[in-house]
Amino acid sequence: MATDTRSRILDATAELYRRQGMAATGLKQIAAAANAPFGSIYHHFPGGKEQISEEVIHAEGVRYGLLVAGQLAAVTDIVEGIPDIFASAAARLVELDYTEACSIETIALEVASTNERLRLATEVVFTGWIDGLTQWFADTGLPNDECRSLAMCCLTSLEGAFVLCRSLRSTEPMIAAGLAVQSRTRAALHASGGRPAVRTTSAIRRE
């Protein structure tokens, strides 16, 4: 847990956004959760909730990116490893009793048509994740456009599964999504002439 007030405010905001979304979270609630005086909110964030939200988006983007990058880097066989990545996300949902998921997705749904500054912040995060996944799939030897398509498929499946899992309080959507992405990847490799899906490098971008 961060000890300085500014970091505590960001950490508390991120947790509240993961649990209940941005719109339902007020500044007084953030201050209370951060164990900080209300006045410290505007002292550290003169732009108020919008500034806090923008910084949370970028910080959460880095945090989730590092978490997933570590999981991707541990995979040696991409096709066989995909369901494990989704299963790990499912296990995390169960561990948290379905109360938390991807805060970037939650915020993006709220601001896509209402706040261009925050929409752009979520765009930056999602673009970084897509680029990282594209790089990961590139180790299969597939063309870049196919790797990007697989990256899009993987990320949209994961984010969509988060929504359904929380609504249904079941990991079934996440497991099904993992198997669907695995099938899509296997089909792409078969169509390319059966290139091996074993990763040739251990590097994965972690920005």
Protein backbone atom coordinates (compact mmCIF):
# COMPACT_ATOMS: atom_id res chain seq x y z
CA MET A 1 0.00 0.00 0.00
CA ALA A 2 1.40 3.39 -0.99
CA THR A 3 2.38 5.64 1.89
CA ASP A 4 2.34 9.08 0.25
CA THR A 5 -1.03 10.80 -0.06
CA ARG A 6 -0.97 11.25 -3.82
CA SER A 7 -0.24 7.58 -4.47
CA ARG A 8 -2.86 6.49 -1.95
CA ILE A 9 -5.46 8.57 -3.77
CA LEU A 10 -4.59 6.96 -7.11
CA ASP A 11 -4.56 3.44 -5.63
CA ALA A 12 -7.89 3.97 -3.88
CA THR A 13 -9.47 5.42 -7.02
CA ALA A 14 -8.27 2.50 -9.14
CA GLU A 15 -9.75 -0.02 -6.71
CA LEU A 16 -13.07 1.82 -6.53
CA TYR A 17 -13.24 2.05 -10.32
CA ARG A 18 -12.57 -1.67 -10.66
CA ARG A 19 -15.38 -2.46 -8.23
CA GLN A 20 -18.08 0.07 -9.07
CA GLY A 21 -17.02 2.11 -12.07
CA MET A 22 -16.10 5.75 -12.45
CA ALA A 23 -19.53 7.38 -12.49
CA ALA A 24 -20.53 5.81 -9.18
CA THR A 25 -17.34 6.96 -7.46
CA GLY A 26 -17.28 10.39 -5.83
CA LEU A 27 -14.37 12.47 -4.60
CA LYS A 28 -15.45 12.20 -0.96
CA GLN A 29 -15.49 8.42 -1.29
CA ILE A 30 -12.03 8.50 -2.84
CA ALA A 31 -10.68 10.64 -0.01
CA ALA A 32 -12.17 8.32 2.59
CA ALA A 33 -10.83 5.19 0.89
CA ALA A 34 -7.38 6.80 0.64
CA ASN A 35 -7.50 7.91 4.28
CA ALA A 36 -6.73 11.42 3.07
CA PRO A 37 -8.20 14.85 3.87
CA PHE A 38 -10.71 15.91 1.24
CA GLY A 39 -8.72 19.06 0.55
CA SER A 40 -5.74 16.96 -0.49
CA ILE A 41 -7.65 15.83 -3.58
CA TYR A 42 -7.45 19.25 -5.25
CA HIS A 43 -4.02 19.92 -3.77
CA HIS A 44 -2.56 16.94 -5.62
CA PHE A 45 -5.01 16.94 -8.53
CA PRO A 46 -6.04 20.51 -9.44
CA GLY A 47 -7.99 19.10 -12.39
CA GLY A 48 -10.24 17.19 -10.02
CA LYS A 49 -11.82 13.88 -10.90
CA GLU A 50 -10.96 14.11 -14.59
CA GLN A 51 -7.25 14.45 -13.83
CA ILE A 52 -7.36 11.63 -11.29
CA SER A 53 -9.20 9.42 -13.77
CA GLU A 54 -6.72 10.09 -16.55
CA GLU A 55 -3.78 9.21 -14.31
CA VAL A 56 -5.56 6.09 -13.06
CA ILE A 57 -6.17 4.95 -16.64
CA HIS A 58 -2.48 5.22 -17.50
CA ALA A 59 -1.33 3.64 -14.23
CA GLU A 60 -3.78 0.75 -14.52
CA GLY A 61 -2.75 0.27 -18.14
CA VAL A 62 0.84 -0.21 -17.05
CA ARG A 63 -0.14 -2.45 -14.13
CA TYR A 64 -2.31 -4.78 -16.19
CA GLY A 65 0.21 -4.72 -19.03
CA LEU A 66 2.99 -5.91 -16.75
CA LEU A 67 0.80 -8.59 -15.23
CA VAL A 68 -0.24 -10.04 -18.56
CA ALA A 69 3.23 -9.63 -20.06
CA GLY A 70 4.61 -11.83 -17.31
CA GLN A 71 2.06 -14.52 -18.11
CA LEU A 72 2.71 -14.29 -21.85
CA ALA A 73 6.46 -14.49 -21.37
CA ALA A 74 6.07 -17.78 -19.50
CA VAL A 75 4.25 -19.44 -22.40
CA THR A 76 6.36 -21.61 -24.68
CA ASP A 77 3.65 -23.06 -26.91
CA ILE A 78 1.22 -20.33 -27.90
CA VAL A 79 -1.67 -22.52 -29.00
CA GLU A 80 -1.56 -24.70 -25.91
CA GLY A 81 -0.92 -21.76 -23.59
CA ILE A 82 -3.85 -19.54 -24.60
CA PRO A 83 -6.52 -21.35 -22.52
CA ASP A 84 -4.23 -21.15 -19.47
CA ILE A 85 -4.07 -17.36 -19.75
CA PHE A 86 -7.87 -17.14 -19.81
CA ALA A 87 -8.13 -19.68 -16.99
CA SER A 88 -5.84 -17.50 -14.89
CA ALA A 89 -8.17 -14.54 -15.43
CA ALA A 90 -11.11 -16.74 -14.46
CA ALA A 91 -9.38 -17.86 -11.27
CA ARG A 92 -8.69 -14.23 -10.36
CA LEU A 93 -12.38 -13.38 -10.78
CA VAL A 94 -13.37 -16.22 -8.45
CA GLU A 95 -10.73 -15.16 -5.92
CA LEU A 96 -12.25 -11.66 -5.84
CA ASP A 97 -15.82 -12.97 -5.82
CA TYR A 98 -16.48 -11.34 -9.21
CA THR A 99 -16.21 -7.87 -7.65
CA GLU A 100 -13.30 -6.63 -9.76
CA ALA A 101 -12.36 -6.83 -13.40
CA CYS A 102 -10.55 -4.60 -15.88
CA SER A 103 -10.95 -0.96 -14.82
CA ILE A 104 -9.89 0.27 -18.27
CA GLU A 105 -12.81 -1.55 -19.86
CA THR A 106 -15.19 -0.18 -17.21
CA ILE A 107 -14.03 3.40 -17.72
CA ALA A 108 -13.95 3.10 -21.53
CA LEU A 109 -17.61 2.08 -21.59
CA GLU A 110 -18.51 5.15 -19.53
CA VAL A 111 -16.46 7.79 -21.36
CA ALA A 112 -16.42 6.65 -25.00
CA SER A 113 -19.16 9.11 -25.98
CA THR A 114 -18.95 11.62 -23.15
CA ASN A 115 -15.34 12.59 -22.42
CA GLU A 116 -12.84 12.78 -25.27
CA ARG A 117 -9.85 13.34 -23.00
CA LEU A 118 -10.49 10.14 -21.08
CA ARG A 119 -11.51 8.23 -24.22
CA LEU A 120 -8.12 9.06 -25.70
CA ALA A 121 -6.41 7.85 -22.53
CA THR A 122 -8.17 4.48 -22.79
CA GLU A 123 -7.29 4.35 -26.50
CA VAL A 124 -3.60 4.71 -25.64
CA VAL A 125 -3.82 1.85 -23.16
CA PHE A 126 -5.75 -0.50 -25.44
CA THR A 127 -3.41 0.29 -28.36
CA GLY A 128 -0.41 -0.61 -26.22
CA TRP A 129 -1.99 -3.90 -25.22
CA ILE A 130 -2.86 -4.73 -28.82
CA ASP A 131 0.70 -3.97 -29.92
CA GLY A 132 2.09 -6.20 -27.16
CA LEU A 133 -0.19 -9.08 -28.09
CA THR A 134 0.65 -8.62 -31.77
CA GLN A 135 4.33 -8.95 -30.90
CA TRP A 136 3.59 -12.08 -28.88
CA PHE A 137 1.71 -13.75 -31.73
CA ALA A 138 4.52 -12.77 -34.11
CA ASP A 139 6.62 -15.56 -32.61
CA THR A 140 4.41 -18.00 -34.50
CA GLY A 141 5.87 -16.72 -37.76
CA LEU A 142 2.47 -15.57 -39.00
CA PRO A 143 2.26 -12.33 -41.05
CA ASN A 144 1.90 -9.14 -39.05
CA ASP A 145 -1.66 -8.46 -40.20
CA GLU A 146 -2.73 -11.93 -39.04
CA CYS A 147 -0.92 -11.45 -35.72
CA ARG A 148 -2.72 -8.15 -35.21
CA SER A 149 -6.03 -9.83 -36.02
CA LEU A 150 -5.30 -12.54 -33.44
CA ALA A 151 -4.33 -9.87 -30.91
CA MET A 152 -7.65 -8.10 -31.48
CA CYS A 153 -9.50 -11.39 -31.16
CA CYS A 154 -7.70 -12.22 -27.92
CA LEU A 155 -8.25 -8.84 -26.27
CA THR A 156 -11.89 -8.46 -27.30
CA SER A 157 -12.60 -12.01 -26.14
CA LEU A 158 -10.95 -11.38 -22.79
CA GLU A 159 -12.69 -8.05 -22.16
CA GLY A 160 -16.08 -9.36 -23.26
CA ALA A 161 -15.68 -12.41 -21.06
CA PHE A 162 -15.02 -10.17 -18.04
CA VAL A 163 -18.43 -8.56 -18.51
CA LEU A 164 -20.31 -11.85 -18.89
CA CYS A 165 -18.47 -13.54 -16.03
CA ARG A 166 -19.37 -10.74 -13.63
CA SER A 167 -22.98 -10.68 -14.79
CA LEU A 168 -23.46 -14.45 -14.71
CA ARG A 169 -21.14 -14.96 -11.73
CA SER A 170 -19.61 -17.82 -13.63
CA THR A 171 -16.22 -18.48 -15.21
CA GLU A 172 -17.85 -20.32 -18.11
CA PRO A 173 -17.62 -17.32 -20.51
CA MET A 174 -13.90 -16.86 -19.79
CA ILE A 175 -13.10 -20.53 -20.34
CA ALA A 176 -15.15 -20.58 -23.55
CA ALA A 177 -13.41 -17.42 -24.77
CA GLY A 178 -10.00 -18.97 -24.21
CA LEU A 179 -10.92 -22.06 -26.19
CA ALA A 180 -12.34 -19.89 -29.00
CA VAL A 181 -9.13 -17.86 -29.28
CA GLN A 182 -7.10 -21.09 -29.21
CA SER A 183 -9.22 -22.48 -32.06
CA ARG A 184 -8.85 -19.26 -34.07
CA THR A 185 -5.08 -19.33 -33.60
CA ARG A 186 -4.79 -22.99 -34.51
CA ALA A 187 -6.81 -22.36 -37.68
CA ALA A 188 -4.55 -19.46 -38.66
CA LEU A 189 -1.46 -21.61 -38.22
CA HIS A 190 -3.00 -24.46 -40.22
CA ALA A 191 -3.92 -22.10 -43.04
CA SER A 192 -0.36 -20.77 -43.11
CA GLY A 193 1.06 -24.20 -43.77
CA GLY A 194 1.38 -25.59 -40.27
CA ARG A 195 4.14 -23.43 -38.86
CA PRO A 196 5.06 -24.42 -35.28
CA ALA A 197 3.47 -22.34 -32.56
CA VAL A 198 6.50 -22.54 -30.29
CA ARG A 199 7.85 -19.12 -29.36
CA THR A 200 11.31 -18.40 -30.70
CA THR A 201 12.11 -15.57 -28.28
CA SER A 202 11.41 -14.85 -24.64
CA ALA A 203 10.98 -11.10 -25.04
CA ILE A 204 7.59 -9.42 -24.64
CA ARG A 205 7.05 -5.70 -24.48
CA ARG A 206 6.20 -4.58 -20.95
CA GLU A 207 5.52 -0.86 -21.36
